Amino acid sequence: MRVFVVQRLRGNLDAIRSAVEAQGIAHASSIAYLRSAQEVALAIQEIPTGATLVVVSGSVLRYGSSSYDGIYLARAVKRSHPQALCFSYSVMPAQDAAIDGVIPKKDGTLCTGDHDCLVRFLAVLRDGVTLADLRAAVPEIRSGTP
């Protein structure tokens, strides 16, 4: 299983990583914390088709010196790994058919460091996990489609 948490702001990534470590999540080593769509594109090339792949992304990401939309990232991931589960983790998430679900993000997380819902989501991931499994374990997950 491979998991990518992608956030534009390093402060959010650091807080998420710290919260995951504090929870003692057994599969924490399978979680990569990235800041750009380019990093994800390179990393998923190494993942065999059919492997469990979960991507949790913000709505606005870095792409070189410009911004990149999280929806485009989800679409790109699904093109190469159709079985991947792609989630939006943003204060103002966009919806699209490529987004399997929206994990609610509280406003001000950069200051508060409160990523509880995302950490609970990451804790229940496992090989072969399905969208139904995740929605049952974390009922706050909303639909990602319009």
C-alpha atoms as a PDB file:
ATOM      1  CA  MET A   1       0.000   0.000   0.000  1.00  0.00           C
ATOM      2  CA  ARG A   2       1.211   3.503  -0.827  1.00  0.00           C
ATOM      3  CA  VAL A   3      -0.334   6.689   0.515  1.00  0.00           C
ATOM      4  CA  PHE A   4       0.455  10.233  -0.583  1.00  0.00           C
ATOM      5  CA  VAL A   5      -0.597  13.266   1.427  1.00  0.00           C
ATOM      6  CA  VAL A   6      -0.125  16.356  -0.726  1.00  0.00           C
ATOM      7  CA  GLN A   7      -0.412  19.853   0.721  1.00  0.00           C
ATOM      8  CA  ARG A   8       0.966  23.136  -0.610  1.00  0.00           C
ATOM      9  CA  LEU A   9       2.014  24.457   2.802  1.00  0.00           C
ATOM     10  CA  ARG A  10       4.899  22.758   4.593  1.00  0.00           C
ATOM     11  CA  GLY A  11       3.433  23.723   7.990  1.00  0.00           C
ATOM     12  CA  ASN A  12       0.344  21.611   7.313  1.00  0.00           C
ATOM     13  CA  LEU A  13       2.442  18.648   6.151  1.00  0.00           C
ATOM     14  CA  ASP A  14       4.624  18.848   9.251  1.00  0.00           C
ATOM     15  CA  ALA A  15       1.573  18.981  11.545  1.00  0.00           C
ATOM     16  CA  ILE A  16      -0.055  16.021   9.766  1.00  0.00           C
ATOM     17  CA  ARG A  17       3.145  13.951   9.968  1.00  0.00           C
ATOM     18  CA  SER A  18       3.535  14.785  13.682  1.00  0.00           C
ATOM     19  CA  ALA A  19      -0.074  13.808  14.395  1.00  0.00           C
ATOM     20  CA  VAL A  20       0.351  10.500  12.536  1.00  0.00           C
ATOM     21  CA  GLU A  21       3.531   9.755  14.509  1.00  0.00           C
ATOM     22  CA  ALA A  22       1.802  10.652  17.791  1.00  0.00           C
ATOM     23  CA  GLN A  23      -0.998   8.177  16.992  1.00  0.00           C
ATOM     24  CA  GLY A  24       1.508   5.388  16.365  1.00  0.00           C
ATOM     25  CA  ILE A  25      -0.128   4.364  13.097  1.00  0.00           C
ATOM     26  CA  ALA A  26       1.386   1.004  12.148  1.00  0.00           C
ATOM     27  CA  HIS A  27       1.690   1.744   8.437  1.00  0.00           C
ATOM     28  CA  ALA A  28       3.085   5.274   8.894  1.00  0.00           C
ATOM     29  CA  SER A  29       6.140   4.336   6.826  1.00  0.00           C
ATOM     30  CA  SER A  30       3.917   3.825   3.761  1.00  0.00           C
ATOM     31  CA  ILE A  31       2.743   7.464   3.903  1.00  0.00           C
ATOM     32  CA  ALA A  32       4.676   9.996   1.813  1.00  0.00           C
ATOM     33  CA  TYR A  33       4.231  13.710   2.516  1.00  0.00           C
ATOM     34  CA  LEU A  34       4.632  15.788  -0.631  1.00  0.00           C
ATOM     35  CA  ARG A  35       4.111  19.401  -1.673  1.00  0.00           C
ATOM     36  CA  SER A  36       3.736  19.256  -5.437  1.00  0.00           C
ATOM     37  CA  ALA A  37       1.954  17.392  -8.192  1.00  0.00           C
ATOM     38  CA  GLN A  38       5.327  16.791  -9.850  1.00  0.00           C
ATOM     39  CA  GLU A  39       6.538  14.807  -6.837  1.00  0.00           C
ATOM     40  CA  VAL A  40       3.414  12.633  -6.974  1.00  0.00           C
ATOM     41  CA  ALA A  41       3.776  12.052 -10.725  1.00  0.00           C
ATOM     42  CA  LEU A  42       7.333  10.805 -10.236  1.00  0.00           C
ATOM     43  CA  ALA A  43       6.498   8.670  -7.205  1.00  0.00           C
ATOM     44  CA  ILE A  44       3.532   6.825  -8.739  1.00  0.00           C
ATOM     45  CA  GLN A  45       5.655   5.653 -11.670  1.00  0.00           C
ATOM     46  CA  GLU A  46       7.219   3.157  -9.251  1.00  0.00           C
ATOM     47  CA  ILE A  47       3.870   1.741  -8.089  1.00  0.00           C
ATOM     48  CA  PRO A  48       2.595  -1.345  -9.908  1.00  0.00           C
ATOM     49  CA  THR A  49      -0.841  -1.118 -11.468  1.00  0.00           C
ATOM     50  CA  GLY A  50      -3.311  -2.846  -9.166  1.00  0.00           C
ATOM     51  CA  ALA A  51      -1.477  -1.942  -5.953  1.00  0.00           C
ATOM     52  CA  THR A  52      -3.427  -0.121  -3.251  1.00  0.00           C
ATOM     53  CA  LEU A  53      -2.805   3.583  -3.856  1.00  0.00           C
ATOM     54  CA  VAL A  54      -4.436   6.421  -1.911  1.00  0.00           C
ATOM     55  CA  VAL A  55      -3.847  10.103  -2.679  1.00  0.00           C
ATOM     56  CA  VAL A  56      -5.091  12.846  -0.348  1.00  0.00           C
ATOM     57  CA  SER A  57      -4.597  16.274  -1.855  1.00  0.00           C
ATOM     58  CA  GLY A  58      -5.343  19.902  -1.203  1.00  0.00           C
ATOM     59  CA  SER A  59      -7.233  21.943  -3.788  1.00  0.00           C
ATOM     60  CA  VAL A  60      -4.280  24.171  -4.682  1.00  0.00           C
ATOM     61  CA  LEU A  61      -0.820  22.670  -5.100  1.00  0.00           C
ATOM     62  CA  ARG A  62       2.524  23.839  -6.366  1.00  0.00           C
ATOM     63  CA  TYR A  63       3.588  23.013  -9.900  1.00  0.00           C
ATOM     64  CA  GLY A  64       6.996  24.528 -10.489  1.00  0.00           C
ATOM     65  CA  SER A  65       6.501  28.226  -9.880  1.00  0.00           C
ATOM     66  CA  SER A  66       2.753  28.165 -10.506  1.00  0.00           C
ATOM     67  CA  SER A  67      -0.358  26.661  -8.941  1.00  0.00           C
ATOM     68  CA  TYR A  68      -1.877  23.310  -9.838  1.00  0.00           C
ATOM     69  CA  ASP A  69      -5.411  22.181  -9.119  1.00  0.00           C
ATOM     70  CA  GLY A  70      -5.962  19.075  -6.976  1.00  0.00           C
ATOM     71  CA  ILE A  71      -8.608  17.871  -9.443  1.00  0.00           C
ATOM     72  CA  TYR A  72      -6.034  17.725 -12.231  1.00  0.00           C
ATOM     73  CA  LEU A  73      -3.781  15.698  -9.960  1.00  0.00           C
ATOM     74  CA  ALA A  74      -6.598  13.220  -9.223  1.00  0.00           C
ATOM     75  CA  ARG A  75      -7.347  12.886 -12.940  1.00  0.00           C
ATOM     76  CA  ALA A  76      -3.671  12.272 -13.736  1.00  0.00           C
ATOM     77  CA  VAL A  77      -3.362   9.667 -10.972  1.00  0.00           C
ATOM     78  CA  LYS A  78      -6.499   7.852 -12.187  1.00  0.00           C
ATOM     79  CA  ARG A  79      -5.206   7.787 -15.774  1.00  0.00           C
ATOM     80  CA  SER A  80      -2.173   5.736 -14.770  1.00  0.00           C
ATOM     81  CA  HIS A  81      -3.723   3.935 -11.763  1.00  0.00           C
ATOM     82  CA  PRO A  82      -7.502   3.632 -12.290  1.00  0.00           C
ATOM     83  CA  GLN A  83      -7.930   1.704  -9.018  1.00  0.00           C
ATOM     84  CA  ALA A  84      -6.409   4.554  -6.965  1.00  0.00           C
ATOM     85  CA  LEU A  85      -8.550   6.287  -4.373  1.00  0.00           C
ATOM     86  CA  CYS A  86      -8.239  10.084  -4.564  1.00  0.00           C
ATOM     87  CA  PHE A  87      -9.497  12.371  -1.813  1.00  0.00           C
ATOM     88  CA  SER A  88      -9.633  16.113  -1.422  1.00  0.00           C
ATOM     89  CA  TYR A  89      -8.495  17.568   1.897  1.00  0.00           C
ATOM     90  CA  SER A  90      -9.173  21.266   1.717  1.00  0.00           C
ATOM     91  CA  VAL A  91     -11.132  24.031   3.408  1.00  0.00           C
ATOM     92  CA  MET A  92     -12.851  24.709   0.070  1.00  0.00           C
ATOM     93  CA  PRO A  93     -12.686  21.395  -1.818  1.00  0.00           C
ATOM     94  CA  ALA A  94     -13.649  21.153  -5.446  1.00  0.00           C
ATOM     95  CA  GLN A  95     -15.747  18.263  -6.664  1.00  0.00           C
ATOM     96  CA  ASP A  96     -15.137  16.112  -9.711  1.00  0.00           C
ATOM     97  CA  ALA A  97     -15.689  12.533 -10.867  1.00  0.00           C
ATOM     98  CA  ALA A  98     -11.977  11.835 -10.209  1.00  0.00           C
ATOM     99  CA  ILE A  99     -12.400  12.737  -6.515  1.00  0.00           C
ATOM    100  CA  ASP A 100     -13.643   9.728  -4.532  1.00  0.00           C
ATOM    101  CA  GLY A 101     -14.380  11.719  -1.407  1.00  0.00           C
ATOM    102  CA  VAL A 102     -13.844  14.909   0.531  1.00  0.00           C
ATOM    103  CA  ILE A 103     -12.188  14.771   3.944  1.00  0.00           C
ATOM    104  CA  PRO A 104     -13.265  17.914   5.801  1.00  0.00           C
ATOM    105  CA  LYS A 105     -10.451  20.291   6.721  1.00  0.00           C
ATOM    106  CA  LYS A 106     -11.034  22.920   9.370  1.00  0.00           C
ATOM    107  CA  ASP A 107     -10.229  26.535   8.589  1.00  0.00           C
ATOM    108  CA  GLY A 108      -7.045  27.701  10.304  1.00  0.00           C
ATOM    109  CA  THR A 109      -5.288  24.334  10.480  1.00  0.00           C
ATOM    110  CA  LEU A 110      -1.954  25.982   9.740  1.00  0.00           C
ATOM    111  CA  CYS A 111      -2.273  27.806  13.066  1.00  0.00           C
ATOM    112  CA  THR A 112      -4.071  25.141  15.102  1.00  0.00           C
ATOM    113  CA  GLY A 113      -2.407  22.006  13.736  1.00  0.00           C
ATOM    114  CA  ASP A 114      -5.772  20.218  14.058  1.00  0.00           C
ATOM    115  CA  HIS A 115      -5.922  17.496  11.400  1.00  0.00           C
ATOM    116  CA  ASP A 116      -7.929  14.981  13.458  1.00  0.00           C
ATOM    117  CA  CYS A 117     -10.295  13.805  10.713  1.00  0.00           C
ATOM    118  CA  LEU A 118      -7.445  13.234   8.256  1.00  0.00           C
ATOM    119  CA  VAL A 119      -5.370  11.373  10.852  1.00  0.00           C
ATOM    120  CA  ARG A 120      -8.334   9.096  11.669  1.00  0.00           C
ATOM    121  CA  PHE A 121      -8.721   8.482   7.925  1.00  0.00           C
ATOM    122  CA  LEU A 122      -5.028   7.623   7.543  1.00  0.00           C
ATOM    123  CA  ALA A 123      -5.204   5.287  10.554  1.00  0.00           C
ATOM    124  CA  VAL A 124      -7.842   3.016   8.961  1.00  0.00           C
ATOM    125  CA  LEU A 125      -6.077   2.575   5.617  1.00  0.00           C
ATOM    126  CA  ARG A 126      -4.899  -0.935   4.755  1.00  0.00           C
ATOM    127  CA  ASP A 127      -4.131  -3.032   1.683  1.00  0.00           C
ATOM    128  CA  GLY A 128      -7.296  -3.659  -0.287  1.00  0.00           C
ATOM    129  CA  VAL A 129      -9.276  -0.923   1.474  1.00  0.00           C
ATOM    130  CA  THR A 130     -12.409   0.173  -0.377  1.00  0.00           C
ATOM    131  CA  LEU A 131     -14.251   3.455  -0.510  1.00  0.00           C
ATOM    132  CA  ALA A 132     -17.137   1.834   1.380  1.00  0.00           C
ATOM    133  CA  ASP A 133     -14.726   0.725   4.138  1.00  0.00           C
ATOM    134  CA  LEU A 134     -13.394   4.255   4.481  1.00  0.00           C
ATOM    135  CA  ARG A 135     -16.821   5.896   4.545  1.00  0.00           C
ATOM    136  CA  ALA A 136     -17.959   3.469   7.244  1.00  0.00           C
ATOM    137  CA  ALA A 137     -14.873   4.114   9.383  1.00  0.00           C
ATOM    138  CA  VAL A 138     -14.834   7.902   8.883  1.00  0.00           C
ATOM    139  CA  PRO A 139     -18.442   9.028   8.379  1.00  0.00           C
ATOM    140  CA  GLU A 140     -17.386  12.669   7.903  1.00  0.00           C
ATOM    141  CA  ILE A 141     -16.126  11.821   4.402  1.00  0.00           C
ATOM    142  CA  ARG A 142     -18.390  13.522   1.880  1.00  0.00           C
ATOM    143  CA  SER A 143     -18.998  12.669  -1.749  1.00  0.00           C
ATOM    144  CA  GLY A 144     -16.385  13.966  -4.154  1.00  0.00           C
ATOM    145  CA  THR A 145     -18.702  14.172  -7.128  1.00  0.00           C
ATOM    146  CA  PRO A 146     -20.976  17.122  -7.879  1.00  0.00           C
END
